[in-house]
């Protein structure tokens, strides 16, 4: 069987499973999720061994520290993976929700009801935990997923996928409901982007600019894109010093490889000589390289000179761009020009300035006095996420179970005919 034939068969199997999953009960879906969470814990040693092989191969291939961090699993991350699946199980069932209901003059009773999307193709790089997150979220929302992880995480993803299938089997649900593409051939991605002969309803890419760009350029089915995380922290003139110092360091340095990590620090000129220098010193002490404009370098000479590319750079590393701005409007203008509409935070005790920042920016997530690292579905109470949507349509911000549903109209009549 050729790869094309194999992939088309995979798509047909997924489409068949989608019909069963559309009618799966909340109880059976939750049973599958809890069994999968238990299987991940039980298979911990197998998953860690597989991941160690992936990490060793990644080091040999010269993966960057950021990509290696995304790839690496440990006991804490496996526990978080299993907990995320269990948290998804505890969420209300999103399928069948009545979103709106009304009666029209003809007497027709019309309801808008949440339904699964169908078959979701998930194409991702490095992060093996996406195998569990995407599988769990698609299962809970009554969807089928076709998972195509990167070659760098192939062994880890296979071990996690086996645990997810164990959960499906325990609940009597179709094993094809969570399907993993068994090859790392790039041609398989191209075939998914073609739609597998009508087998895929939606593609979700999760990875770097190269992957997302290819998906958006080549896909013949709808795409829910997660673009770069060029996230900003703005220290306003009325920022609380303790909050400013804690938030700035956490937003950049908690985990530099996540898409919610701050990449640019904007400092109000009014506080630059004092609080601004303190924050920059905190970042440098934490091991962060600072690339700054001339105004900041004048008061913090340890910073390197920033160039135009730095203002729109997603470093995913211990590097941050820093710029002095003249008030909230200047900060908003900078973010609108250079940002990626992902996540932005203002640190201030001035409510009016905060509300202006929150309302004026068109990013998927805006925060007041909180770290950008909270850009995460689990932190939003969604159990897990399949990515952070930065587009304008369907879903923005953390994409959880509700965002993986569409809707249909259910119309009940009493014999009406249209004149």
Foldseek 3Di string as FASTA:
>chain_A
DDPLVVLLVLLVLQQVLLVVLQPDDLVLLLQLLLQLLVLLVVCVVQLQVLLVVLLVVCVVVPPDPLLSVLQHDDPVNSNLLSQLSNLLSPDDQQFQDFPDWDADPLGKTKTKTWTFLEEEEEEEERHLSLLSQVLSQCSSLSYAYEYEYAPSNLSSNVSSLVSSLSSCVVSVRDSSSRHYDNDNDVVSVLSVLAPSVVSHAEYEYYYAPVVQVVSVVRHPHHYQYFYAQQEEEEEFLAFDLVLVLVQLQCLCPVQLSDRLRHAEYEYEPNCCLPSVLVSVVSLVVSPAAEAEDPVNCVNVVSHHHDDPVSLQDSPSDRYHYYYYAHGLVRVQVSCVVRPLLAEYEYGHPDPVSQVCNVPSRNHLYYYYSHHSVCQFCVSVSQSGASHAGGDDDQDHGGHGNNSSIDIDMDIDDDDDDDD
